[in-house]
Amino acid sequence: MAAPAPHRIDILTEYHWSAERHGRITAMCEEAAAAAPEIRSLSHYSNGILDFVVCRADRAPLSSLVTEADDDLHDESLPGSRLLLCAQDLGAVLRPLGTGELMRTVVANVRGGLWGGRVKPGEYLAALSDSPDCVPAMDAAMNHLVTRVRTEVHTLPDELPGGAPDAPPRLASTDTENEALRIDFGTAAAPVPAYEQRLRALWHNHVNTTDLQYAGYYRDWTLVCVGDVFDAPELGPRFMDVSVRSRRTAYRDLSRGLRGHLVRLTDALHLVAPAVDGQPPVDRLVLDVQEGAVYVTWLSPREFVVGVTLDQTQVGHAEARLRRLALALGEIRAQSPR
């Protein structure tokens, strides 16, 4: 079967961006935007300065909240630049964990999403999607694009944004994992033994040493339940620079501190995908570092679950497992006091 024809695109190039010197990068971005209808637009930045924007020609107008530019092509770069500024701050928060630089950020809700990524220090890409269910395809296309620019233009190694597509999923749980699993309950947990037992069972079924190694459940920014397998012997080499205790504290601090970052992320996202009444303003956040990722999935406007993997190859599998945990949590929420 023939491949679908590329769709029509518009492009804006800033005066300082030279086609003679940088045309290969421009061509790769145009090709990616033309081949992926899920991408509304993508922008390229050098040292915080916009270089060019590639847009789908049939795009609808952006939110009326966009007022900082006189033409719609410049407007397309604004959500991405705001996302990258937020990512810069979040990267500084994550850096002390010793898992490398933040290289990919995804924020989405039921209407669309934003993608921001680092090609190399000083060079960044951002993309917008304004259609439901199109964010995963945009994410995959942008992960492939940033890898192409890194490897084909800059001859740098592939950092596996989004994980390794061919990485095998984890095997069934083992007694060692169950022994290593540590679970704590917070002040938002229901003081009902049966409810706590169901939470324990969910963590035993989803948190493991291969992909999803940490998960925390919060209601109204207060901890309900958290568990990890950081004490497992096979994970020992990952804690040579940052201790297990320090890592646990850092992830709890990150979860509690997300509130301020979320305001800015939401402002950027709503330029492309305005909130829907009764739905969380954001329902997915991915912070993909060089060694693993941190994920946040919202169950409702009041509740979210945080997940962590320390294995870059398993980034995709770990997020899928966290989503399954979130769905399972949704089935037992009625047993918890609201």
C-alpha atoms as a PDB file:
ATOM      1  CA  MET A   1       0.000   0.000   0.000  1.00  0.00           C
ATOM      2  CA  ALA A   2       1.358   3.435  -0.931  1.00  0.00           C
ATOM      3  CA  ALA A   3       2.395   5.799   1.843  1.00  0.00           C
ATOM      4  CA  PRO A   4       0.010   8.724   2.455  1.00  0.00           C
ATOM      5  CA  ALA A   5       0.908  11.912   0.608  1.00  0.00           C
ATOM      6  CA  PRO A   6       2.512  14.617   2.750  1.00  0.00           C
ATOM      7  CA  HIS A   7       0.150  17.435   3.679  1.00  0.00           C
ATOM      8  CA  ARG A   8       0.769  21.090   2.886  1.00  0.00           C
ATOM      9  CA  ILE A   9       2.828  23.180   5.311  1.00  0.00           C
ATOM     10  CA  ASP A  10       3.763  26.828   5.878  1.00  0.00           C
ATOM     11  CA  ILE A  11       7.192  27.936   7.107  1.00  0.00           C
ATOM     12  CA  LEU A  12       8.536  31.081   8.732  1.00  0.00           C
ATOM     13  CA  THR A  13      12.318  31.512   8.879  1.00  0.00           C
ATOM     14  CA  GLU A  14      13.947  34.231  10.971  1.00  0.00           C
ATOM     15  CA  TYR A  15      16.512  36.458   9.287  1.00  0.00           C
ATOM     16  CA  HIS A  16      19.487  35.056  11.224  1.00  0.00           C
ATOM     17  CA  TRP A  17      18.807  31.438  10.166  1.00  0.00           C
ATOM     18  CA  SER A  18      20.904  30.634   7.087  1.00  0.00           C
ATOM     19  CA  ALA A  19      19.615  28.078   4.592  1.00  0.00           C
ATOM     20  CA  GLU A  20      23.163  27.626   3.297  1.00  0.00           C
ATOM     21  CA  ARG A  21      24.552  26.769   6.724  1.00  0.00           C
ATOM     22  CA  HIS A  22      21.552  25.136   8.410  1.00  0.00           C
ATOM     23  CA  GLY A  23      19.394  23.872   5.558  1.00  0.00           C
ATOM     24  CA  ARG A  24      19.745  20.232   6.498  1.00  0.00           C
ATOM     25  CA  ILE A  25      18.068  20.771   9.871  1.00  0.00           C
ATOM     26  CA  THR A  26      15.320  22.844   8.250  1.00  0.00           C
ATOM     27  CA  ALA A  27      14.661  20.130   5.678  1.00  0.00           C
ATOM     28  CA  MET A  28      14.408  17.431   8.355  1.00  0.00           C
ATOM     29  CA  CYS A  29      11.856  19.489  10.287  1.00  0.00           C
ATOM     30  CA  GLU A  30       9.815  20.251   7.167  1.00  0.00           C
ATOM     31  CA  GLU A  31       9.814  16.574   6.280  1.00  0.00           C
ATOM     32  CA  ALA A  32       8.686  15.571   9.779  1.00  0.00           C
ATOM     33  CA  ALA A  33       5.872  18.154   9.842  1.00  0.00           C
ATOM     34  CA  ALA A  34       4.663  17.208   6.369  1.00  0.00           C
ATOM     35  CA  ALA A  35       4.603  13.490   7.212  1.00  0.00           C
ATOM     36  CA  ALA A  36       2.787  13.780  10.562  1.00  0.00           C
ATOM     37  CA  PRO A  37      -0.655  15.433  10.431  1.00  0.00           C
ATOM     38  CA  GLU A  38      -0.796  15.080  14.239  1.00  0.00           C
ATOM     39  CA  ILE A  39       1.779  17.895  14.476  1.00  0.00           C
ATOM     40  CA  ARG A  40       0.063  21.276  14.238  1.00  0.00           C
ATOM     41  CA  SER A  41       3.411  23.064  14.181  1.00  0.00           C
ATOM     42  CA  LEU A  42       6.996  22.656  15.267  1.00  0.00           C
ATOM     43  CA  SER A  43       9.593  25.275  16.138  1.00  0.00           C
ATOM     44  CA  HIS A  44      13.384  25.265  16.315  1.00  0.00           C
ATOM     45  CA  TYR A  45      15.300  27.386  18.842  1.00  0.00           C
ATOM     46  CA  SER A  46      18.983  28.167  19.328  1.00  0.00           C
ATOM     47  CA  ASN A  47      20.094  29.567  22.682  1.00  0.00           C
ATOM     48  CA  GLY A  48      16.539  30.625  23.469  1.00  0.00           C
ATOM     49  CA  ILE A  49      15.994  32.422  20.141  1.00  0.00           C
ATOM     50  CA  LEU A  50      13.429  31.243  17.581  1.00  0.00           C
ATOM     51  CA  ASP A  51      15.026  30.115  14.307  1.00  0.00           C
ATOM     52  CA  PHE A  52      12.035  28.902  12.296  1.00  0.00           C
ATOM     53  CA  VAL A  53       8.490  27.547  12.546  1.00  0.00           C
ATOM     54  CA  VAL A  54       6.906  24.874  10.358  1.00  0.00           C
ATOM     55  CA  CYS A  55       3.076  24.767  10.483  1.00  0.00           C
ATOM     56  CA  ARG A  56       0.273  22.662   9.061  1.00  0.00           C
ATOM     57  CA  ALA A  57      -1.383  24.860   6.438  1.00  0.00           C
ATOM     58  CA  ASP A  58      -4.938  23.828   7.403  1.00  0.00           C
ATOM     59  CA  ARG A  59      -4.527  24.671  11.099  1.00  0.00           C
ATOM     60  CA  ALA A  60      -7.313  26.432  13.004  1.00  0.00           C
ATOM     61  CA  PRO A  61      -6.552  29.749  14.772  1.00  0.00           C
ATOM     62  CA  LEU A  62      -4.764  29.472  18.098  1.00  0.00           C
ATOM     63  CA  SER A  63      -6.420  30.530  21.339  1.00  0.00           C
ATOM     64  CA  SER A  64      -7.275  34.216  21.603  1.00  0.00           C
ATOM     65  CA  LEU A  65      -4.958  34.217  24.637  1.00  0.00           C
ATOM     66  CA  VAL A  66      -2.059  34.451  22.190  1.00  0.00           C
ATOM     67  CA  THR A  67      -1.405  38.166  21.833  1.00  0.00           C
ATOM     68  CA  GLU A  68       2.360  38.584  21.789  1.00  0.00           C
ATOM     69  CA  ALA A  69       2.883  38.524  18.039  1.00  0.00           C
ATOM     70  CA  ASP A  70       1.301  40.182  15.006  1.00  0.00           C
ATOM     71  CA  ASP A  71       1.031  37.143  12.760  1.00  0.00           C
ATOM     72  CA  ASP A  72      -0.087  33.598  13.353  1.00  0.00           C
ATOM     73  CA  LEU A  73       3.206  31.989  12.292  1.00  0.00           C
ATOM     74  CA  HIS A  74       5.045  33.780  15.081  1.00  0.00           C
ATOM     75  CA  ASP A  75       2.183  32.912  17.432  1.00  0.00           C
ATOM     76  CA  GLU A  76       2.808  29.218  16.818  1.00  0.00           C
ATOM     77  CA  SER A  77       6.177  29.453  18.534  1.00  0.00           C
ATOM     78  CA  LEU A  78       4.842  30.982  21.756  1.00  0.00           C
ATOM     79  CA  PRO A  79       3.439  27.857  23.491  1.00  0.00           C
ATOM     80  CA  GLY A  80       6.623  25.935  22.726  1.00  0.00           C
ATOM     81  CA  SER A  81       8.876  28.673  24.035  1.00  0.00           C
ATOM     82  CA  ARG A  82       6.847  28.842  27.247  1.00  0.00           C
ATOM     83  CA  LEU A  83       7.078  25.060  27.613  1.00  0.00           C
ATOM     84  CA  LEU A  84      10.856  25.142  27.152  1.00  0.00           C
ATOM     85  CA  LEU A  85      11.198  27.827  29.835  1.00  0.00           C
ATOM     86  CA  CYS A  86       9.226  25.611  32.234  1.00  0.00           C
ATOM     87  CA  ALA A  87      11.388  22.640  31.231  1.00  0.00           C
ATOM     88  CA  GLN A  88      14.515  24.639  32.029  1.00  0.00           C
ATOM     89  CA  ASP A  89      13.287  25.159  35.598  1.00  0.00           C
ATOM     90  CA  LEU A  90      12.151  21.551  35.973  1.00  0.00           C
ATOM     91  CA  GLY A  91      15.510  20.367  34.665  1.00  0.00           C
ATOM     92  CA  ALA A  92      17.229  22.300  37.443  1.00  0.00           C
ATOM     93  CA  VAL A  93      14.968  20.569  39.987  1.00  0.00           C
ATOM     94  CA  LEU A  94      15.754  17.116  38.561  1.00  0.00           C
ATOM     95  CA  ARG A  95      19.506  17.599  38.117  1.00  0.00           C
ATOM     96  CA  PRO A  96      20.471  16.809  41.769  1.00  0.00           C
ATOM     97  CA  LEU A  97      18.894  13.352  41.358  1.00  0.00           C
ATOM     98  CA  GLY A  98      21.896  12.340  39.265  1.00  0.00           C
ATOM     99  CA  THR A  99      19.856  10.924  36.375  1.00  0.00           C
ATOM    100  CA  GLY A 100      21.168  13.338  33.762  1.00  0.00           C
ATOM    101  CA  GLU A 101      19.682  16.282  31.912  1.00  0.00           C
ATOM    102  CA  LEU A 102      16.016  16.728  31.077  1.00  0.00           C
ATOM    103  CA  MET A 103      15.819  16.026  27.352  1.00  0.00           C
ATOM    104  CA  ARG A 104      12.081  15.620  26.624  1.00  0.00           C
ATOM    105  CA  THR A 105       8.955  17.149  28.161  1.00  0.00           C
ATOM    106  CA  VAL A 106       5.390  16.274  27.201  1.00  0.00           C
ATOM    107  CA  VAL A 107       2.301  17.950  28.658  1.00  0.00           C
ATOM    108  CA  ALA A 108      -1.191  17.051  27.449  1.00  0.00           C
ATOM    109  CA  ASN A 109      -4.895  17.054  28.180  1.00  0.00           C
ATOM    110  CA  VAL A 110      -7.957  15.629  26.406  1.00  0.00           C
ATOM    111  CA  ARG A 111      -7.778  18.309  23.681  1.00  0.00           C
ATOM    112  CA  GLY A 112      -4.115  18.240  22.697  1.00  0.00           C
ATOM    113  CA  GLY A 113      -0.593  18.714  23.942  1.00  0.00           C
ATOM    114  CA  LEU A 114       2.895  20.185  23.758  1.00  0.00           C
ATOM    115  CA  TRP A 115       6.251  18.510  23.210  1.00  0.00           C
ATOM    116  CA  GLY A 116       9.617  20.089  24.047  1.00  0.00           C
ATOM    117  CA  GLY A 117      13.010  18.495  23.583  1.00  0.00           C
ATOM    118  CA  ARG A 118      16.725  19.141  23.680  1.00  0.00           C
ATOM    119  CA  VAL A 119      18.761  18.260  20.602  1.00  0.00           C
ATOM    120  CA  LYS A 120      21.963  19.246  22.398  1.00  0.00           C
ATOM    121  CA  PRO A 121      22.867  22.051  24.826  1.00  0.00           C
ATOM    122  CA  GLY A 122      21.608  25.291  23.300  1.00  0.00           C
ATOM    123  CA  GLU A 123      19.485  23.647  20.564  1.00  0.00           C
ATOM    124  CA  TYR A 124      15.818  22.784  21.172  1.00  0.00           C
ATOM    125  CA  LEU A 125      12.684  21.728  19.344  1.00  0.00           C
ATOM    126  CA  ALA A 126       9.051  22.189  20.367  1.00  0.00           C
ATOM    127  CA  ALA A 127       5.810  20.937  18.812  1.00  0.00           C
ATOM    128  CA  LEU A 128       2.067  21.473  19.242  1.00  0.00           C
ATOM    129  CA  SER A 129      -0.888  19.155  18.719  1.00  0.00           C
ATOM    130  CA  ASP A 130      -4.454  20.478  18.864  1.00  0.00           C
ATOM    131  CA  SER A 131      -6.385  17.269  18.314  1.00  0.00           C
ATOM    132  CA  PRO A 132      -7.586  14.634  20.808  1.00  0.00           C
ATOM    133  CA  ASP A 133      -5.703  11.333  20.714  1.00  0.00           C
ATOM    134  CA  CYS A 134      -2.939  12.783  18.490  1.00  0.00           C
ATOM    135  CA  VAL A 135      -0.367  13.499  21.203  1.00  0.00           C
ATOM    136  CA  PRO A 136       1.186   9.979  21.207  1.00  0.00           C
ATOM    137  CA  ALA A 137       1.770  10.185  17.443  1.00  0.00           C
ATOM    138  CA  MET A 138       3.226  13.707  17.756  1.00  0.00           C
ATOM    139  CA  ASP A 139       5.431  12.461  20.594  1.00  0.00           C
ATOM    140  CA  ALA A 140       6.738   9.536  18.531  1.00  0.00           C
ATOM    141  CA  ALA A 141       7.374  11.736  15.483  1.00  0.00           C
ATOM    142  CA  MET A 142       9.271  14.347  17.505  1.00  0.00           C
ATOM    143  CA  ASN A 143      11.337  11.710  19.333  1.00  0.00           C
ATOM    144  CA  HIS A 144      12.361  10.366  15.932  1.00  0.00           C
ATOM    145  CA  LEU A 145      13.106  13.857  14.603  1.00  0.00           C
ATOM    146  CA  VAL A 146      15.300  14.932  17.519  1.00  0.00           C
ATOM    147  CA  THR A 147      17.201  11.647  17.218  1.00  0.00           C
ATOM    148  CA  ARG A 148      17.745  12.190  13.493  1.00  0.00           C
ATOM    149  CA  VAL A 149      19.123  15.692  14.049  1.00  0.00           C
ATOM    150  CA  ARG A 150      21.416  14.455  16.828  1.00  0.00           C
ATOM    151  CA  THR A 151      22.772  11.449  14.968  1.00  0.00           C
ATOM    152  CA  GLU A 152      22.759  12.567  11.313  1.00  0.00           C
ATOM    153  CA  VAL A 153      23.653  16.258  11.667  1.00  0.00           C
ATOM    154  CA  HIS A 154      25.689  16.438  14.869  1.00  0.00           C
ATOM    155  CA  THR A 155      27.007  12.828  14.891  1.00  0.00           C
ATOM    156  CA  LEU A 156      25.998  12.506  18.547  1.00  0.00           C
ATOM    157  CA  PRO A 157      24.723   9.277  20.103  1.00  0.00           C
ATOM    158  CA  ASP A 158      21.015   8.443  20.280  1.00  0.00           C
ATOM    159  CA  GLU A 159      19.715   9.306  23.771  1.00  0.00           C
ATOM    160  CA  LEU A 160      16.570   7.170  23.276  1.00  0.00           C
ATOM    161  CA  PRO A 161      13.923   9.827  24.009  1.00  0.00           C
ATOM    162  CA  GLY A 162      10.747   7.927  24.821  1.00  0.00           C
ATOM    163  CA  GLY A 163      12.716   4.731  25.462  1.00  0.00           C
ATOM    164  CA  ALA A 164      13.779   1.909  23.176  1.00  0.00           C
ATOM    165  CA  PRO A 165      10.859   0.691  21.012  1.00  0.00           C
ATOM    166  CA  ASP A 166      12.299  -2.823  20.874  1.00  0.00           C
ATOM    167  CA  ALA A 167      13.038  -3.106  24.620  1.00  0.00           C
ATOM    168  CA  PRO A 168      11.349  -6.218  26.033  1.00  0.00           C
ATOM    169  CA  PRO A 169       8.710  -5.595  28.697  1.00  0.00           C
ATOM    170  CA  ARG A 170       9.290  -6.835  32.232  1.00  0.00           C
ATOM    171  CA  LEU A 171       8.778 -10.443  33.221  1.00  0.00           C
ATOM    172  CA  ALA A 172       6.300 -11.564  35.874  1.00  0.00           C
ATOM    173  CA  SER A 173       6.960 -10.352  39.430  1.00  0.00           C
ATOM    174  CA  THR A 174       9.428 -12.234  41.530  1.00  0.00           C
ATOM    175  CA  ASP A 175       9.694 -12.942  45.231  1.00  0.00           C
ATOM    176  CA  THR A 176      12.756 -10.668  45.311  1.00  0.00           C
ATOM    177  CA  GLU A 177      10.711  -7.740  44.007  1.00  0.00           C
ATOM    178  CA  ASN A 178       7.975  -8.357  46.545  1.00  0.00           C
ATOM    179  CA  GLU A 179      10.541  -8.462  49.338  1.00  0.00           C
ATOM    180  CA  ALA A 180      12.173  -5.229  48.120  1.00  0.00           C
ATOM    181  CA  LEU A 181       8.894  -3.323  47.755  1.00  0.00           C
ATOM    182  CA  ARG A 182       8.477  -0.668  50.427  1.00  0.00           C
ATOM    183  CA  ILE A 183       5.029   0.947  50.816  1.00  0.00           C
ATOM    184  CA  ASP A 184       4.097   3.936  52.979  1.00  0.00           C
ATOM    185  CA  PHE A 185       0.713   5.562  53.521  1.00  0.00           C
ATOM    186  CA  GLY A 186       0.174   9.282  53.846  1.00  0.00           C
ATOM    187  CA  THR A 187      -2.335  11.381  55.716  1.00  0.00           C
ATOM    188  CA  ALA A 188      -4.802  11.306  52.805  1.00  0.00           C
ATOM    189  CA  ALA A 189      -5.139   7.511  52.941  1.00  0.00           C
ATOM    190  CA  ALA A 190      -8.403   6.044  54.217  1.00  0.00           C
ATOM    191  CA  PRO A 191      -7.897   4.511  57.704  1.00  0.00           C
ATOM    192  CA  VAL A 192      -9.568   1.297  56.519  1.00  0.00           C
ATOM    193  CA  PRO A 193      -7.504  -1.931  56.509  1.00  0.00           C
ATOM    194  CA  ALA A 194      -9.293  -3.318  53.451  1.00  0.00           C
ATOM    195  CA  TYR A 195      -8.571  -0.153  51.465  1.00  0.00           C
ATOM    196  CA  GLU A 196      -4.895  -0.191  52.436  1.00  0.00           C
ATOM    197  CA  GLN A 197      -4.702  -3.854  51.492  1.00  0.00           C
ATOM    198  CA  ARG A 198      -6.086  -3.128  48.022  1.00  0.00           C
ATOM    199  CA  LEU A 199      -3.513  -0.364  47.555  1.00  0.00           C
ATOM    200  CA  ARG A 200      -0.738  -2.744  48.627  1.00  0.00           C
ATOM    201  CA  ALA A 201      -1.944  -5.288  46.084  1.00  0.00           C
ATOM    202  CA  LEU A 202      -1.938  -2.690  43.300  1.00  0.00           C
ATOM    203  CA  TRP A 203       1.627  -1.625  44.102  1.00  0.00           C
ATOM    204  CA  HIS A 204       2.765  -5.268  44.198  1.00  0.00           C
ATOM    205  CA  ASN A 205       1.179  -5.832  40.770  1.00  0.00           C
ATOM    206  CA  HIS A 206       2.603  -2.736  39.073  1.00  0.00           C
ATOM    207  CA  VAL A 207       5.829  -1.534  40.743  1.00  0.00           C
ATOM    208  CA  ASN A 208       8.830  -3.675  39.829  1.00  0.00           C
ATOM    209  CA  THR A 209      12.595  -3.636  39.281  1.00  0.00           C
ATOM    210  CA  THR A 210      12.456  -3.633  35.467  1.00  0.00           C
ATOM    211  CA  ASP A 211      10.351  -0.651  34.419  1.00  0.00           C
ATOM    212  CA  LEU A 212       8.130   1.199  36.934  1.00  0.00           C
ATOM    213  CA  GLN A 213      10.326   1.322  40.040  1.00  0.00           C
ATOM    214  CA  TYR A 214       8.448   4.012  42.012  1.00  0.00           C
ATOM    215  CA  ALA A 215       4.851   5.238  42.219  1.00  0.00           C
ATOM    216  CA  GLY A 216       3.070   7.735  44.486  1.00  0.00           C
ATOM    217  CA  TYR A 217      -0.637   8.560  44.699  1.00  0.00           C
ATOM    218  CA  TYR A 218      -1.768  12.048  45.815  1.00  0.00           C
ATOM    219  CA  ARG A 219      -5.125  13.666  46.592  1.00  0.00           C
ATOM    220  CA  ASP A 220      -5.399  17.429  46.966  1.00  0.00           C
ATOM    221  CA  TRP A 221      -1.568  17.539  46.903  1.00  0.00           C
ATOM    222  CA  THR A 222      -1.443  15.266  49.969  1.00  0.00           C
ATOM    223  CA  LEU A 223       0.110  11.802  49.901  1.00  0.00           C
ATOM    224  CA  VAL A 224      -2.193   8.788  49.904  1.00  0.00           C
ATOM    225  CA  CYS A 225       0.267   5.991  49.129  1.00  0.00           C
ATOM    226  CA  VAL A 226       3.828   5.639  47.848  1.00  0.00           C
ATOM    227  CA  GLY A 227       5.931   2.589  47.108  1.00  0.00           C
ATOM    228  CA  ASP A 228       9.213   1.655  45.457  1.00  0.00           C
ATOM    229  CA  VAL A 229      11.685  -1.180  44.939  1.00  0.00           C
ATOM    230  CA  PHE A 230      14.785   0.983  45.383  1.00  0.00           C
ATOM    231  CA  ASP A 231      16.173  -1.451  47.980  1.00  0.00           C
ATOM    232  CA  ALA A 232      16.350  -4.320  45.450  1.00  0.00           C
ATOM    233  CA  PRO A 233      19.979  -5.542  45.083  1.00  0.00           C
ATOM    234  CA  GLU A 234      19.868  -5.304  41.272  1.00  0.00           C
ATOM    235  CA  LEU A 235      19.174  -1.567  41.514  1.00  0.00           C
ATOM    236  CA  GLY A 236      22.102  -0.941  43.840  1.00  0.00           C
ATOM    237  CA  PRO A 237      24.449   0.435  41.133  1.00  0.00           C
ATOM    238  CA  ARG A 238      21.915   3.183  40.351  1.00  0.00           C
ATOM    239  CA  PHE A 239      22.321   4.638  43.847  1.00  0.00           C
ATOM    240  CA  MET A 240      26.084   5.063  43.999  1.00  0.00           C
ATOM    241  CA  ASP A 241      25.913   8.876  43.787  1.00  0.00           C
ATOM    242  CA  VAL A 242      22.471   9.564  45.276  1.00  0.00           C
ATOM    243  CA  SER A 243      21.306   7.349  48.140  1.00  0.00           C
ATOM    244  CA  VAL A 244      17.971   5.558  48.239  1.00  0.00           C
ATOM    245  CA  ARG A 245      16.840   7.746  51.121  1.00  0.00           C
ATOM    246  CA  SER A 246      17.792  10.943  49.290  1.00  0.00           C
ATOM    247  CA  ARG A 247      16.046   9.762  46.122  1.00  0.00           C
ATOM    248  CA  ARG A 248      12.825   8.992  48.003  1.00  0.00           C
ATOM    249  CA  THR A 249      12.868  12.399  49.655  1.00  0.00           C
ATOM    250  CA  ALA A 250      13.584  14.127  46.350  1.00  0.00           C
ATOM    251  CA  TYR A 251      10.667  12.481  44.531  1.00  0.00           C
ATOM    252  CA  ARG A 252       8.273  13.417  47.338  1.00  0.00           C
ATOM    253  CA  ASP A 253       9.559  16.988  47.251  1.00  0.00           C
ATOM    254  CA  LEU A 254       9.158  17.059  43.470  1.00  0.00           C
ATOM    255  CA  SER A 255       5.557  15.827  43.739  1.00  0.00           C
ATOM    256  CA  ARG A 256       4.657  18.459  46.294  1.00  0.00           C
ATOM    257  CA  GLY A 257       6.475  21.186  44.368  1.00  0.00           C
ATOM    258  CA  LEU A 258       4.757  20.452  41.061  1.00  0.00           C
ATOM    259  CA  ARG A 259       1.915  22.785  41.954  1.00  0.00           C
ATOM    260  CA  GLY A 260       3.820  25.944  41.034  1.00  0.00           C
ATOM    261  CA  HIS A 261       5.259  24.467  37.838  1.00  0.00           C
ATOM    262  CA  LEU A 262       1.827  23.177  36.853  1.00  0.00           C
ATOM    263  CA  VAL A 263       0.417  26.707  36.718  1.00  0.00           C
ATOM    264  CA  ARG A 264       2.958  27.701  34.087  1.00  0.00           C
ATOM    265  CA  LEU A 265       2.652  24.434  32.166  1.00  0.00           C
ATOM    266  CA  THR A 266      -1.120  24.826  32.100  1.00  0.00           C
ATOM    267  CA  ASP A 267      -0.842  28.395  30.816  1.00  0.00           C
ATOM    268  CA  ALA A 268       1.315  27.187  27.921  1.00  0.00           C
ATOM    269  CA  LEU A 269      -0.894  24.179  27.149  1.00  0.00           C
ATOM    270  CA  HIS A 270      -4.137  26.156  27.165  1.00  0.00           C
ATOM    271  CA  LEU A 271      -2.912  28.340  24.302  1.00  0.00           C
ATOM    272  CA  VAL A 272      -3.302  25.209  22.158  1.00  0.00           C
ATOM    273  CA  ALA A 273      -5.741  23.002  24.092  1.00  0.00           C
ATOM    274  CA  PRO A 274      -8.089  24.953  26.395  1.00  0.00           C
ATOM    275  CA  ALA A 275      -9.374  23.120  29.466  1.00  0.00           C
ATOM    276  CA  VAL A 276     -12.636  21.169  29.431  1.00  0.00           C
ATOM    277  CA  ASP A 277     -15.056  21.684  32.315  1.00  0.00           C
ATOM    278  CA  GLY A 278     -14.891  18.813  34.784  1.00  0.00           C
ATOM    279  CA  GLN A 279     -11.607  17.483  33.350  1.00  0.00           C
ATOM    280  CA  PRO A 280      -8.109  17.982  34.771  1.00  0.00           C
ATOM    281  CA  PRO A 281      -6.425  20.978  33.073  1.00  0.00           C
ATOM    282  CA  VAL A 282      -3.499  18.611  32.453  1.00  0.00           C
ATOM    283  CA  ASP A 283      -3.827  14.841  32.409  1.00  0.00           C
ATOM    284  CA  ARG A 284      -0.316  13.793  31.390  1.00  0.00           C
ATOM    285  CA  LEU A 285       3.160  15.129  32.127  1.00  0.00           C
ATOM    286  CA  VAL A 286       6.400  13.392  31.112  1.00  0.00           C
ATOM    287  CA  LEU A 287       9.852  14.507  32.243  1.00  0.00           C
ATOM    288  CA  ASP A 288      12.247  12.298  30.289  1.00  0.00           C
ATOM    289  CA  VAL A 289      15.826  12.533  31.541  1.00  0.00           C
ATOM    290  CA  GLN A 290      18.911  10.759  30.228  1.00  0.00           C
ATOM    291  CA  GLU A 291      18.522   7.902  32.706  1.00  0.00           C
ATOM    292  CA  GLY A 292      14.820   7.199  32.937  1.00  0.00           C
ATOM    293  CA  ALA A 293      11.813   9.464  33.390  1.00  0.00           C
ATOM    294  CA  VAL A 294       9.299  10.927  35.805  1.00  0.00           C
ATOM    295  CA  TYR A 295       5.617  10.739  34.853  1.00  0.00           C
ATOM    296  CA  VAL A 296       2.501  12.368  36.283  1.00  0.00           C
ATOM    297  CA  THR A 297      -0.953  11.066  35.345  1.00  0.00           C
ATOM    298  CA  TRP A 298      -4.130  12.736  36.627  1.00  0.00           C
ATOM    299  CA  LEU A 299      -7.100  10.626  37.684  1.00  0.00           C
ATOM    300  CA  SER A 300      -9.288  13.693  38.344  1.00  0.00           C
ATOM    301  CA  PRO A 301      -8.748  17.416  38.919  1.00  0.00           C
ATOM    302  CA  ARG A 302      -7.953  16.545  42.559  1.00  0.00           C
ATOM    303  CA  GLU A 303      -5.901  13.355  42.186  1.00  0.00           C
ATOM    304  CA  PHE A 304      -2.738  12.287  40.414  1.00  0.00           C
ATOM    305  CA  VAL A 305      -0.188   9.499  40.441  1.00  0.00           C
ATOM    306  CA  VAL A 306       3.576   9.987  40.001  1.00  0.00           C
ATOM    307  CA  GLY A 307       5.774   7.274  38.518  1.00  0.00           C
ATOM    308  CA  VAL A 308       9.518   6.852  38.005  1.00  0.00           C
ATOM    309  CA  THR A 309      11.722   4.613  35.942  1.00  0.00           C
ATOM    310  CA  LEU A 310      15.512   4.609  36.197  1.00  0.00           C
ATOM    311  CA  ASP A 311      16.033   2.669  32.952  1.00  0.00           C
ATOM    312  CA  GLN A 312      16.013   4.728  29.752  1.00  0.00           C
ATOM    313  CA  THR A 313      15.213   1.751  27.544  1.00  0.00           C
ATOM    314  CA  GLN A 314      12.026   1.132  29.538  1.00  0.00           C
ATOM    315  CA  VAL A 315      10.612   4.681  29.438  1.00  0.00           C
ATOM    316  CA  GLY A 316       7.688   3.712  27.185  1.00  0.00           C
ATOM    317  CA  HIS A 317       6.831   0.530  29.094  1.00  0.00           C
ATOM    318  CA  ALA A 318       6.998   2.303  32.455  1.00  0.00           C
ATOM    319  CA  GLU A 319       4.549   5.007  31.407  1.00  0.00           C
ATOM    320  CA  ALA A 320       2.128   2.412  30.071  1.00  0.00           C
ATOM    321  CA  ARG A 321       2.335   0.554  33.388  1.00  0.00           C
ATOM    322  CA  LEU A 322       1.685   3.762  35.331  1.00  0.00           C
ATOM    323  CA  ARG A 323      -1.432   4.371  33.227  1.00  0.00           C
ATOM    324  CA  ARG A 324      -2.655   0.879  34.105  1.00  0.00           C
ATOM    325  CA  LEU A 325      -2.029   1.602  37.781  1.00  0.00           C
ATOM    326  CA  ALA A 326      -3.970   4.873  37.449  1.00  0.00           C
ATOM    327  CA  LEU A 327      -6.918   3.048  35.877  1.00  0.00           C
ATOM    328  CA  ALA A 328      -6.892   0.477  38.672  1.00  0.00           C
ATOM    329  CA  LEU A 329      -6.764   3.258  41.281  1.00  0.00           C
ATOM    330  CA  GLY A 330      -9.810   4.828  39.674  1.00  0.00           C
ATOM    331  CA  GLU A 331     -11.763   1.644  40.349  1.00  0.00           C
ATOM    332  CA  ILE A 332     -11.146   1.767  44.117  1.00  0.00           C
ATOM    333  CA  ARG A 333     -11.357   5.531  44.718  1.00  0.00           C
ATOM    334  CA  ALA A 334     -14.909   5.188  46.046  1.00  0.00           C
ATOM    335  CA  GLN A 335     -13.544   3.406  49.104  1.00  0.00           C
ATOM    336  CA  SER A 336     -11.528   6.471  50.111  1.00  0.00           C
ATOM    337  CA  PRO A 337     -13.034   9.474  51.904  1.00  0.00           C
ATOM    338  CA  ARG A 338     -13.186  12.573  49.698  1.00  0.00           C
END
